[in-house]
PDB file of N, CA and C in Angstrom:
ATOM      1  N   MET A   1      24.737 -18.901  -3.667  1.00  0.00           N
ATOM      2  CA  MET A   1      23.421 -18.301  -3.708  1.00  0.00           C
ATOM      3  C   MET A   1      23.391 -17.296  -4.853  1.00  0.00           C
ATOM      4  N   SER A   2      22.270 -17.288  -5.545  1.00  0.00           N
ATOM      5  CA  SER A   2      22.058 -16.283  -6.572  1.00  0.00           C
ATOM      6  C   SER A   2      20.873 -15.423  -6.160  1.00  0.00           C
ATOM      7  N   ARG A   3      20.894 -14.168  -6.604  1.00  0.00           N
ATOM      8  CA  ARG A   3      19.799 -13.251  -6.305  1.00  0.00           C
ATOM      9  C   ARG A   3      19.638 -12.314  -7.490  1.00  0.00           C
ATOM     10  N   TYR A   4      18.419 -12.248  -8.006  1.00  0.00           N
ATOM     11  CA  TYR A   4      18.091 -11.387  -9.129  1.00  0.00           C
ATOM     12  C   TYR A   4      16.882 -10.549  -8.745  1.00  0.00           C
ATOM     13  N   THR A   5      16.728  -9.412  -9.375  1.00  0.00           N
ATOM     14  CA  THR A   5      15.592  -8.526  -9.126  1.00  0.00           C
ATOM     15  C   THR A   5      15.004  -8.090 -10.458  1.00  0.00           C
ATOM     16  N   LYS A   6      13.686  -8.122 -10.527  1.00  0.00           N
ATOM     17  CA  LYS A   6      12.966  -7.698 -11.725  1.00  0.00           C
ATOM     18  C   LYS A   6      11.737  -6.922 -11.264  1.00  0.00           C
ATOM     19  N   THR A   7      11.411  -5.838 -11.935  1.00  0.00           N
ATOM     20  CA  THR A   7      10.245  -5.053 -11.559  1.00  0.00           C
ATOM     21  C   THR A   7       9.209  -5.054 -12.678  1.00  0.00           C
ATOM     22  N   LYS A   8       7.961  -4.919 -12.251  1.00  0.00           N
ATOM     23  CA  LYS A   8       6.840  -4.832 -13.185  1.00  0.00           C
ATOM     24  C   LYS A   8       5.777  -3.989 -12.502  1.00  0.00           C
ATOM     25  N   ASP A   9       5.478  -2.857 -13.092  1.00  0.00           N
ATOM     26  CA  ASP A   9       4.536  -1.902 -12.497  1.00  0.00           C
ATOM     27  C   ASP A   9       5.015  -1.542 -11.087  1.00  0.00           C
ATOM     28  N   ASN A  10       4.184  -1.764 -10.073  1.00  0.00           N
ATOM     29  CA  ASN A  10       4.557  -1.451  -8.693  1.00  0.00           C
ATOM     30  C   ASN A  10       5.050  -2.669  -7.926  1.00  0.00           C
ATOM     31  N   LEU A  11       5.347  -3.745  -8.620  1.00  0.00           N
ATOM     32  CA  LEU A  11       5.799  -4.965  -7.959  1.00  0.00           C
ATOM     33  C   LEU A  11       7.273  -5.195  -8.234  1.00  0.00           C
ATOM     34  N   CYS A  12       7.964  -5.674  -7.223  1.00  0.00           N
ATOM     35  CA  CYS A  12       9.374  -6.006  -7.341  1.00  0.00           C
ATOM     36  C   CYS A  12       9.539  -7.487  -7.004  1.00  0.00           C
ATOM     37  N   LEU A  13      10.093  -8.243  -7.933  1.00  0.00           N
ATOM     38  CA  LEU A  13      10.335  -9.673  -7.743  1.00  0.00           C
ATOM     39  C   LEU A  13      11.811  -9.871  -7.453  1.00  0.00           C
ATOM     40  N   ASN A  14      12.116 -10.459  -6.306  1.00  0.00           N
ATOM     41  CA  ASN A  14      13.458 -10.912  -5.974  1.00  0.00           C
ATOM     42  C   ASN A  14      13.413 -12.433  -6.057  1.00  0.00           C
ATOM     43  N   TYR A  15      14.390 -13.036  -6.715  1.00  0.00           N
ATOM     44  CA  TYR A  15      14.359 -14.483  -6.887  1.00  0.00           C
ATOM     45  C   TYR A  15      15.764 -15.022  -7.051  1.00  0.00           C
ATOM     46  N   GLY A  16      15.883 -16.336  -6.895  1.00  0.00           N
ATOM     47  CA  GLY A  16      17.186 -16.941  -7.086  1.00  0.00           C
ATOM     48  C   GLY A  16      17.218 -18.383  -6.639  1.00  0.00           C
ATOM     49  N   PHE A  17      18.451 -18.843  -6.389  1.00  0.00           N
ATOM     50  CA  PHE A  17      18.679 -20.208  -5.932  1.00  0.00           C
ATOM     51  C   PHE A  17      19.650 -20.154  -4.766  1.00  0.00           C
ATOM     52  N   ASP A  18      19.366 -20.940  -3.740  1.00  0.00           N
ATOM     53  CA  ASP A  18      20.216 -21.020  -2.558  1.00  0.00           C
ATOM     54  C   ASP A  18      20.417 -22.492  -2.214  1.00  0.00           C
ATOM     55  N   HIS A  19      21.611 -22.840  -1.756  1.00  0.00           N
ATOM     56  CA  HIS A  19      21.883 -24.255  -1.457  1.00  0.00           C
ATOM     57  C   HIS A  19      20.989 -24.787  -0.339  1.00  0.00           C
ATOM     58  N   ALA A  20      20.539 -23.936   0.569  1.00  0.00           N
ATOM     59  CA  ALA A  20      19.681 -24.377   1.673  1.00  0.00           C
ATOM     60  C   ALA A  20      18.191 -24.259   1.340  1.00  0.00           C
ATOM     61  N   LEU A  21      17.779 -23.177   0.697  1.00  0.00           N
ATOM     62  CA  LEU A  21      16.361 -22.943   0.403  1.00  0.00           C
ATOM     63  C   LEU A  21      15.915 -23.536  -0.916  1.00  0.00           C
ATOM     64  N   GLY A  22      16.852 -23.816  -1.808  1.00  0.00           N
ATOM     65  CA  GLY A  22      16.496 -24.233  -3.159  1.00  0.00           C
ATOM     66  C   GLY A  22      16.088 -23.006  -3.947  1.00  0.00           C
ATOM     67  N   TYR A  23      15.126 -23.155  -4.850  1.00  0.00           N
ATOM     68  CA  TYR A  23      14.609 -22.009  -5.587  1.00  0.00           C
ATOM     69  C   TYR A  23      13.746 -21.190  -4.645  1.00  0.00           C
ATOM     70  N   TRP A  24      13.819 -19.883  -4.767  1.00  0.00           N
ATOM     71  CA  TRP A  24      13.051 -19.010  -3.883  1.00  0.00           C
ATOM     72  C   TRP A  24      12.670 -17.729  -4.614  1.00  0.00           C
ATOM     73  N   TYR A  25      11.621 -17.074  -4.113  1.00  0.00           N
ATOM     74  CA  TYR A  25      11.257 -15.744  -4.603  1.00  0.00           C
ATOM     75  C   TYR A  25      10.454 -15.012  -3.550  1.00  0.00           C
ATOM     76  N   ASP A  26      10.461 -13.688  -3.648  1.00  0.00           N
ATOM     77  CA  ASP A  26       9.532 -12.865  -2.889  1.00  0.00           C
ATOM     78  C   ASP A  26       9.077 -11.722  -3.786  1.00  0.00           C
ATOM     79  N   ILE A  27       7.848 -11.303  -3.565  1.00  0.00           N
ATOM     80  CA  ILE A  27       7.256 -10.210  -4.332  1.00  0.00           C
ATOM     81  C   ILE A  27       6.918  -9.094  -3.354  1.00  0.00           C
ATOM     82  N   ILE A  28       7.388  -7.883  -3.673  1.00  0.00           N
ATOM     83  CA  ILE A  28       7.211  -6.725  -2.805  1.00  0.00           C
ATOM     84  C   ILE A  28       6.399  -5.669  -3.553  1.00  0.00           C
ATOM     85  N   ASP A  29       5.463  -5.042  -2.851  1.00  0.00           N
ATOM     86  CA  ASP A  29       4.662  -3.954  -3.414  1.00  0.00           C
ATOM     87  C   ASP A  29       5.377  -2.640  -3.111  1.00  0.00           C
ATOM     88  N   THR A  30       5.918  -1.999  -4.139  1.00  0.00           N
ATOM     89  CA  THR A  30       6.682  -0.768  -3.939  1.00  0.00           C
ATOM     90  C   THR A  30       5.807   0.488  -3.914  1.00  0.00           C
ATOM     91  N   SER A  31       4.502   0.331  -4.105  1.00  0.00           N
ATOM     92  CA  SER A  31       3.616   1.499  -4.142  1.00  0.00           C
ATOM     93  C   SER A  31       3.186   1.959  -2.747  1.00  0.00           C
ATOM     94  N   ILE A  32       3.363   1.104  -1.736  1.00  0.00           N
ATOM     95  CA  ILE A  32       2.962   1.481  -0.376  1.00  0.00           C
ATOM     96  C   ILE A  32       4.091   1.167   0.603  1.00  0.00           C
ATOM     97  N   LYS A  33       4.038   1.823   1.752  1.00  0.00           N
ATOM     98  CA  LYS A  33       5.009   1.590   2.826  1.00  0.00           C
ATOM     99  C   LYS A  33       4.257   1.376   4.132  1.00  0.00           C
ATOM    100  N   ASP A  34       4.845   0.559   5.005  1.00  0.00           N
ATOM    101  CA  ASP A  34       4.247   0.357   6.319  1.00  0.00           C
ATOM    102  C   ASP A  34       4.691   1.478   7.263  1.00  0.00           C
ATOM    103  N   ASP A  35       4.364   1.362   8.538  1.00  0.00           N
ATOM    104  CA  ASP A  35       4.682   2.405   9.517  1.00  0.00           C
ATOM    105  C   ASP A  35       6.181   2.617   9.687  1.00  0.00           C
ATOM    106  N   ASN A  36       6.981   1.597   9.380  1.00  0.00           N
ATOM    107  CA  ASN A  36       8.433   1.695   9.511  1.00  0.00           C
ATOM    108  C   ASN A  36       9.108   2.154   8.224  1.00  0.00           C
ATOM    109  N   GLY A  37       8.322   2.437   7.195  1.00  0.00           N
ATOM    110  CA  GLY A  37       8.877   2.881   5.929  1.00  0.00           C
ATOM    111  C   GLY A  37       9.308   1.762   5.006  1.00  0.00           C
ATOM    112  N   ASN A  38       8.936   0.527   5.332  1.00  0.00           N
ATOM    113  CA  ASN A  38       9.286  -0.632   4.511  1.00  0.00           C
ATOM    114  C   ASN A  38       8.146  -0.983   3.564  1.00  0.00           C
ATOM    115  N   HIS A  39       8.504  -1.491   2.415  1.00  0.00           N
ATOM    116  CA  HIS A  39       7.495  -1.967   1.473  1.00  0.00           C
ATOM    117  C   HIS A  39       7.039  -3.357   1.915  1.00  0.00           C
ATOM    118  N   PRO A  40       5.732  -3.612   1.890  1.00  0.00           N
ATOM    119  CA  PRO A  40       5.231  -4.918   2.349  1.00  0.00           C
ATOM    120  C   PRO A  40       5.532  -6.040   1.350  1.00  0.00           C
ATOM    121  N   THR A  41       5.804  -7.201   1.889  1.00  0.00           N
ATOM    122  CA  THR A  41       6.000  -8.398   1.084  1.00  0.00           C
ATOM    123  C   THR A  41       4.638  -9.012   0.816  1.00  0.00           C
ATOM    124  N   ILE A  42       4.325  -9.200  -0.451  1.00  0.00           N
ATOM    125  CA  ILE A  42       3.047  -9.770  -0.845  1.00  0.00           C
ATOM    126  C   ILE A  42       3.091 -11.294  -0.755  1.00  0.00           C
ATOM    127  N   GLU A  43       4.203 -11.850  -1.215  1.00  0.00           N
ATOM    128  CA  GLU A  43       4.328 -13.305  -1.249  1.00  0.00           C
ATOM    129  C   GLU A  43       5.800 -13.679  -1.186  1.00  0.00           C
ATOM    130  N   GLU A  44       6.110 -14.769  -0.470  1.00  0.00           N
ATOM    131  CA  GLU A  44       7.461 -15.301  -0.469  1.00  0.00           C
ATOM    132  C   GLU A  44       7.382 -16.820  -0.372  1.00  0.00           C
ATOM    133  N   LYS A  45       8.150 -17.479  -1.208  1.00  0.00           N
ATOM    134  CA  LYS A  45       8.116 -18.940  -1.249  1.00  0.00           C
ATOM    135  C   LYS A  45       9.503 -19.475  -1.557  1.00  0.00           C
ATOM    136  N   SER A  46       9.714 -20.716  -1.142  1.00  0.00           N
ATOM    137  CA  SER A  46      10.954 -21.412  -1.471  1.00  0.00           C
ATOM    138  C   SER A  46      10.675 -22.901  -1.624  1.00  0.00           C
ATOM    139  N   SER A  47      11.590 -23.569  -2.273  1.00  0.00           N
ATOM    140  CA  SER A  47      11.455 -25.018  -2.472  1.00  0.00           C
ATOM    141  C   SER A  47      11.471 -25.758  -1.141  1.00  0.00           C
ATOM    142  N   PHE A  48      12.332 -25.335  -0.243  1.00  0.00           N
ATOM    143  CA  PHE A  48      12.497 -26.050   1.024  1.00  0.00           C
ATOM    144  C   PHE A  48      11.375 -25.767   2.009  1.00  0.00           C
ATOM    145  N   ILE A  49      11.065 -24.512   2.232  1.00  0.00           N
ATOM    146  CA  ILE A  49      10.094 -24.155   3.270  1.00  0.00           C
ATOM    147  C   ILE A  49       8.658 -24.365   2.812  1.00  0.00           C
ATOM    148  N   ASN A  50       8.318 -23.900   1.623  1.00  0.00           N
ATOM    149  CA  ASN A  50       6.935 -23.943   1.157  1.00  0.00           C
ATOM    150  C   ASN A  50       6.667 -25.014   0.116  1.00  0.00           C
ATOM    151  N   LYS A  51       7.663 -25.842  -0.162  1.00  0.00           N
ATOM    152  CA  LYS A  51       7.528 -26.904  -1.178  1.00  0.00           C
ATOM    153  C   LYS A  51       7.187 -26.327  -2.549  1.00  0.00           C
ATOM    154  N   LEU A  52       7.773 -25.169  -2.888  1.00  0.00           N
ATOM    155  CA  LEU A  52       7.591 -24.552  -4.190  1.00  0.00           C
ATOM    156  C   LEU A  52       8.126 -25.497  -5.263  1.00  0.00           C
ATOM    157  N   ASN A  53       7.289 -25.843  -6.232  1.00  0.00           N
ATOM    158  CA  ASN A  53       7.781 -26.718  -7.302  1.00  0.00           C
ATOM    159  C   ASN A  53       8.254 -25.866  -8.478  1.00  0.00           C
ATOM    160  N   ARG A  54       9.059 -26.456  -9.326  1.00  0.00           N
ATOM    161  CA  ARG A  54       9.679 -25.717 -10.428  1.00  0.00           C
ATOM    162  C   ARG A  54       8.638 -25.147 -11.388  1.00  0.00           C
ATOM    163  N   GLY A  55       7.561 -25.870 -11.634  1.00  0.00           N
ATOM    164  CA  GLY A  55       6.523 -25.380 -12.548  1.00  0.00           C
ATOM    165  C   GLY A  55       5.881 -24.101 -12.043  1.00  0.00           C
ATOM    166  N   ASN A  56       5.539 -24.058 -10.767  1.00  0.00           N
ATOM    167  CA  ASN A  56       4.948 -22.852 -10.193  1.00  0.00           C
ATOM    168  C   ASN A  56       5.949 -21.701 -10.167  1.00  0.00           C
ATOM    169  N   PHE A  57       7.214 -22.028  -9.901  1.00  0.00           N
ATOM    170  CA  PHE A  57       8.263 -21.011  -9.896  1.00  0.00           C
ATOM    171  C   PHE A  57       8.400 -20.381 -11.280  1.00  0.00           C
ATOM    172  N   ILE A  58       8.406 -21.198 -12.307  1.00  0.00           N
ATOM    173  CA  ILE A  58       8.513 -20.689 -13.675  1.00  0.00           C
ATOM    174  C   ILE A  58       7.307 -19.825 -14.035  1.00  0.00           C
ATOM    175  N   GLU A  59       6.107 -20.212 -13.590  1.00  0.00           N
ATOM    176  CA  GLU A  59       4.909 -19.408 -13.858  1.00  0.00           C
ATOM    177  C   GLU A  59       5.051 -18.001 -13.287  1.00  0.00           C
ATOM    178  N   VAL A  60       5.551 -17.899 -12.055  1.00  0.00           N
ATOM    179  CA  VAL A  60       5.757 -16.587 -11.441  1.00  0.00           C
ATOM    180  C   VAL A  60       6.787 -15.799 -12.242  1.00  0.00           C
ATOM    181  N   LEU A  61       7.868 -16.454 -12.628  1.00  0.00           N
ATOM    182  CA  LEU A  61       8.922 -15.780 -13.383  1.00  0.00           C
ATOM    183  C   LEU A  61       8.440 -15.301 -14.743  1.00  0.00           C
ATOM    184  N   GLU A  62       7.586 -16.078 -15.385  1.00  0.00           N
ATOM    185  CA  GLU A  62       7.061 -15.677 -16.698  1.00  0.00           C
ATOM    186  C   GLU A  62       6.237 -14.399 -16.613  1.00  0.00           C
ATOM    187  N   ASN A  63       5.569 -14.172 -15.492  1.00  0.00           N
ATOM    188  CA  ASN A  63       4.798 -12.936 -15.311  1.00  0.00           C
ATOM    189  C   ASN A  63       5.691 -11.701 -15.265  1.00  0.00           C
ATOM    190  N   PHE A  64       6.970 -11.900 -14.971  1.00  0.00           N
ATOM    191  CA  PHE A  64       7.921 -10.792 -14.886  1.00  0.00           C
ATOM    192  C   PHE A  64       8.926 -10.806 -16.047  1.00  0.00           C
ATOM    193  N   ASN A  65       8.653 -11.594 -17.077  1.00  0.00           N
ATOM    194  CA  ASN A  65       9.499 -11.656 -18.282  1.00  0.00           C
ATOM    195  C   ASN A  65      10.967 -11.965 -17.975  1.00  0.00           C
ATOM    196  N   ILE A  66      11.186 -13.038 -17.264  1.00  0.00           N
ATOM    197  CA  ILE A  66      12.527 -13.480 -16.906  1.00  0.00           C
ATOM    198  C   ILE A  66      13.191 -14.099 -18.145  1.00  0.00           C
ATOM    199  N   PRO A  67      14.515 -13.977 -18.288  1.00  0.00           N
ATOM    200  CA  PRO A  67      15.207 -14.532 -19.452  1.00  0.00           C
ATOM    201  C   PRO A  67      14.994 -16.039 -19.631  1.00  0.00           C
ATOM    202  N   GLU A  68      14.901 -16.448 -20.878  1.00  0.00           N
ATOM    203  CA  GLU A  68      14.652 -17.853 -21.208  1.00  0.00           C
ATOM    204  C   GLU A  68      15.743 -18.780 -20.680  1.00  0.00           C
ATOM    205  N   ASP A  69      16.991 -18.334 -20.667  1.00  0.00           N
ATOM    206  CA  ASP A  69      18.065 -19.210 -20.206  1.00  0.00           C
ATOM    207  C   ASP A  69      17.907 -19.552 -18.730  1.00  0.00           C
ATOM    208  N   GLN A  70      17.417 -18.630 -17.922  1.00  0.00           N
ATOM    209  CA  GLN A  70      17.172 -18.930 -16.509  1.00  0.00           C
ATOM    210  C   GLN A  70      16.017 -19.912 -16.355  1.00  0.00           C
ATOM    211  N   LYS A  71      14.963 -19.718 -17.130  1.00  0.00           N
ATOM    212  CA  LYS A  71      13.831 -20.651 -17.066  1.00  0.00           C
ATOM    213  C   LYS A  71      14.244 -22.054 -17.488  1.00  0.00           C
ATOM    214  N   MET A  72      15.127 -22.155 -18.475  1.00  0.00           N
ATOM    215  CA  MET A  72      15.591 -23.469 -18.931  1.00  0.00           C
ATOM    216  C   MET A  72      16.397 -24.168 -17.833  1.00  0.00           C
ATOM    217  N   LEU A  73      17.242 -23.433 -17.128  1.00  0.00           N
ATOM    218  CA  LEU A  73      18.017 -24.025 -16.042  1.00  0.00           C
ATOM    219  C   LEU A  73      17.104 -24.536 -14.928  1.00  0.00           C
ATOM    220  N   ILE A  74      16.049 -23.790 -14.639  1.00  0.00           N
ATOM    221  CA  ILE A  74      15.094 -24.228 -13.620  1.00  0.00           C
ATOM    222  C   ILE A  74      14.364 -25.478 -14.092  1.00  0.00           C
ATOM    223  N   ALA A  75      13.955 -25.494 -15.335  1.00  0.00           N
ATOM    224  CA  ALA A  75      13.269 -26.661 -15.888  1.00  0.00           C
ATOM    225  C   ALA A  75      14.145 -27.906 -15.804  1.00  0.00           C
ATOM    226  N   LEU A  76      15.452 -27.715 -15.945  1.00  0.00           N
ATOM    227  CA  LEU A  76      16.401 -28.838 -15.847  1.00  0.00           C
ATOM    228  C   LEU A  76      16.855 -29.109 -14.422  1.00  0.00           C
ATOM    229  N   ASP A  77      16.273 -28.382 -13.452  1.00  0.00           N
ATOM    230  CA  ASP A  77      16.590 -28.511 -12.032  1.00  0.00           C
ATOM    231  C   ASP A  77      18.062 -28.213 -11.739  1.00  0.00           C
ATOM    232  N   LEU A  78      18.564 -27.149 -12.356  1.00  0.00           N
ATOM    233  CA  LEU A  78      19.953 -26.737 -12.155  1.00  0.00           C
ATOM    234  C   LEU A  78      19.981 -25.371 -11.477  1.00  0.00           C
ATOM    235  N   PRO A  79      20.999 -25.112 -10.649  1.00  0.00           N
ATOM    236  CA  PRO A  79      21.112 -23.769 -10.054  1.00  0.00           C
ATOM    237  C   PRO A  79      21.462 -22.749 -11.132  1.00  0.00           C
ATOM    238  N   PHE A  80      21.099 -21.519 -10.909  1.00  0.00           N
ATOM    239  CA  PHE A  80      21.418 -20.461 -11.858  1.00  0.00           C
ATOM    240  C   PHE A  80      21.966 -19.262 -11.122  1.00  0.00           C
TER     241      PHE A  80
END
């Protein structure tokens, strides 16, 4: 399993590859907290559960300026 984190403004993107979930990501809003002191998850998707396709995954990653080498591995359907 791989896990990377990238931030942009008040959003935090966690993303990676897992042998069970495939490609996955979640986006967290760090500007607010819920009653338990946790930041709310805005969106979470994976290849296995939500049928996230590689094109949509790359689009999300491009919004957070992810390195080109990671995007190339995803385009080639390889784990990173």
